[in-house]
């Protein structure tokens, strides 16, 4: 949207126990781990042009990737 095309992206996925506030906001059952997905998009020159962070209960996640060479 700002004229910088995204050429590649990098994902980082981590799991940890949620804070009490995250448990409340996400309505997680007691003892449920939190999954945190970070995605950063880069231009062909390596400049970061997008970053997102998604938090979710780890008991509700299925991850599927399809990659074309």
C-alpha atoms as a PDB file:
ATOM      1  CA  UNK A   1       0.000   0.000   0.000  1.00  0.00           C
ATOM      2  CA  UNK A   2       2.999   2.322   0.321  1.00  0.00           C
ATOM      3  CA  UNK A   3       4.651   1.272  -2.926  1.00  0.00           C
ATOM      4  CA  UNK A   4       7.273  -1.061  -1.472  1.00  0.00           C
ATOM      5  CA  UNK A   5       6.681  -4.560  -2.848  1.00  0.00           C
ATOM      6  CA  UNK A   6       7.265  -7.453  -0.491  1.00  0.00           C
ATOM      7  CA  UNK A   7       9.697  -9.983  -1.993  1.00  0.00           C
ATOM      8  CA  UNK A   8      10.119 -12.417   0.901  1.00  0.00           C
ATOM      9  CA  UNK A   9       8.958 -13.050   4.431  1.00  0.00           C
ATOM     10  CA  UNK A  10      10.254 -14.613   7.610  1.00  0.00           C
ATOM     11  CA  UNK A  11       8.130 -16.378  10.215  1.00  0.00           C
ATOM     12  CA  UNK A  12       9.020 -16.932  13.853  1.00  0.00           C
ATOM     13  CA  UNK A  13       6.730 -19.033  16.027  1.00  0.00           C
ATOM     14  CA  UNK A  14       7.146 -19.332  19.778  1.00  0.00           C
ATOM     15  CA  UNK A  15       5.168 -20.921  22.586  1.00  0.00           C
ATOM     16  CA  UNK A  16       5.000 -19.894  26.239  1.00  0.00           C
ATOM     17  CA  UNK A  17       2.576 -19.737  29.091  1.00  0.00           C
ATOM     18  CA  UNK A  18       0.322 -16.661  28.859  1.00  0.00           C
ATOM     19  CA  UNK A  19       0.245 -13.800  31.311  1.00  0.00           C
ATOM     20  CA  UNK A  20      -2.907 -13.501  33.421  1.00  0.00           C
ATOM     21  CA  UNK A  21      -4.042 -10.611  31.199  1.00  0.00           C
ATOM     22  CA  UNK A  22      -3.556 -12.674  27.996  1.00  0.00           C
ATOM     23  CA  UNK A  23      -5.465 -15.582  29.569  1.00  0.00           C
ATOM     24  CA  UNK A  24      -8.378 -13.262  30.328  1.00  0.00           C
ATOM     25  CA  UNK A  25      -8.379 -11.418  26.986  1.00  0.00           C
ATOM     26  CA  UNK A  26      -8.145 -14.608  24.913  1.00  0.00           C
ATOM     27  CA  UNK A  27     -10.482 -16.552  27.237  1.00  0.00           C
ATOM     28  CA  UNK A  28      -7.979 -19.389  27.500  1.00  0.00           C
ATOM     29  CA  UNK A  29      -8.691 -22.410  29.681  1.00  0.00           C
ATOM     30  CA  UNK A  30      -6.380 -22.650  32.686  1.00  0.00           C
ATOM     31  CA  UNK A  31      -3.023 -24.230  31.807  1.00  0.00           C
ATOM     32  CA  UNK A  32      -3.288 -23.570  28.053  1.00  0.00           C
ATOM     33  CA  UNK A  33      -0.029 -22.453  26.398  1.00  0.00           C
ATOM     34  CA  UNK A  34       0.058 -19.405  24.163  1.00  0.00           C
ATOM     35  CA  UNK A  35       1.360 -19.579  20.590  1.00  0.00           C
ATOM     36  CA  UNK A  36       2.843 -16.378  19.177  1.00  0.00           C
ATOM     37  CA  UNK A  37       3.407 -15.990  15.438  1.00  0.00           C
ATOM     38  CA  UNK A  38       5.660 -13.179  14.195  1.00  0.00           C
ATOM     39  CA  UNK A  39       5.781 -12.498  10.448  1.00  0.00           C
ATOM     40  CA  UNK A  40       8.076  -9.902   8.850  1.00  0.00           C
ATOM     41  CA  UNK A  41       7.943  -9.018   5.154  1.00  0.00           C
ATOM     42  CA  UNK A  42      11.003  -7.685   3.330  1.00  0.00           C
ATOM     43  CA  UNK A  43      11.743  -5.989   0.019  1.00  0.00           C
ATOM     44  CA  UNK A  44      14.216  -7.568  -2.410  1.00  0.00           C
ATOM     45  CA  UNK A  45      16.852  -5.258  -0.901  1.00  0.00           C
ATOM     46  CA  UNK A  46      16.203  -6.580   2.626  1.00  0.00           C
ATOM     47  CA  UNK A  47      14.225  -3.652   4.015  1.00  0.00           C
ATOM     48  CA  UNK A  48      11.474  -4.663   6.451  1.00  0.00           C
ATOM     49  CA  UNK A  49       8.144  -3.350   5.146  1.00  0.00           C
ATOM     50  CA  UNK A  50       5.604  -5.284   7.224  1.00  0.00           C
ATOM     51  CA  UNK A  51       5.472  -6.906  10.645  1.00  0.00           C
ATOM     52  CA  UNK A  52       2.589  -8.657  12.354  1.00  0.00           C
ATOM     53  CA  UNK A  53       2.214 -10.474  15.642  1.00  0.00           C
ATOM     54  CA  UNK A  54      -0.625 -12.935  16.266  1.00  0.00           C
ATOM     55  CA  UNK A  55      -1.295 -14.515  19.667  1.00  0.00           C
ATOM     56  CA  UNK A  56      -3.523 -17.579  20.054  1.00  0.00           C
ATOM     57  CA  UNK A  57      -4.199 -20.459  22.381  1.00  0.00           C
ATOM     58  CA  UNK A  58      -1.977 -23.385  21.386  1.00  0.00           C
ATOM     59  CA  UNK A  59      -4.900 -25.785  21.797  1.00  0.00           C
ATOM     60  CA  UNK A  60      -6.692 -24.167  18.827  1.00  0.00           C
ATOM     61  CA  UNK A  61      -3.962 -24.146  16.177  1.00  0.00           C
ATOM     62  CA  UNK A  62      -3.162 -26.122  13.080  1.00  0.00           C
ATOM     63  CA  UNK A  63      -0.241 -24.908  10.982  1.00  0.00           C
ATOM     64  CA  UNK A  64      -0.011 -25.833   7.301  1.00  0.00           C
ATOM     65  CA  UNK A  65       2.567 -24.541   4.835  1.00  0.00           C
ATOM     66  CA  UNK A  66       2.742 -24.994   1.081  1.00  0.00           C
ATOM     67  CA  UNK A  67       5.926 -23.751  -0.554  1.00  0.00           C
ATOM     68  CA  UNK A  68       6.588 -23.583  -4.286  1.00  0.00           C
ATOM     69  CA  UNK A  69      10.171 -23.671  -5.481  1.00  0.00           C
END
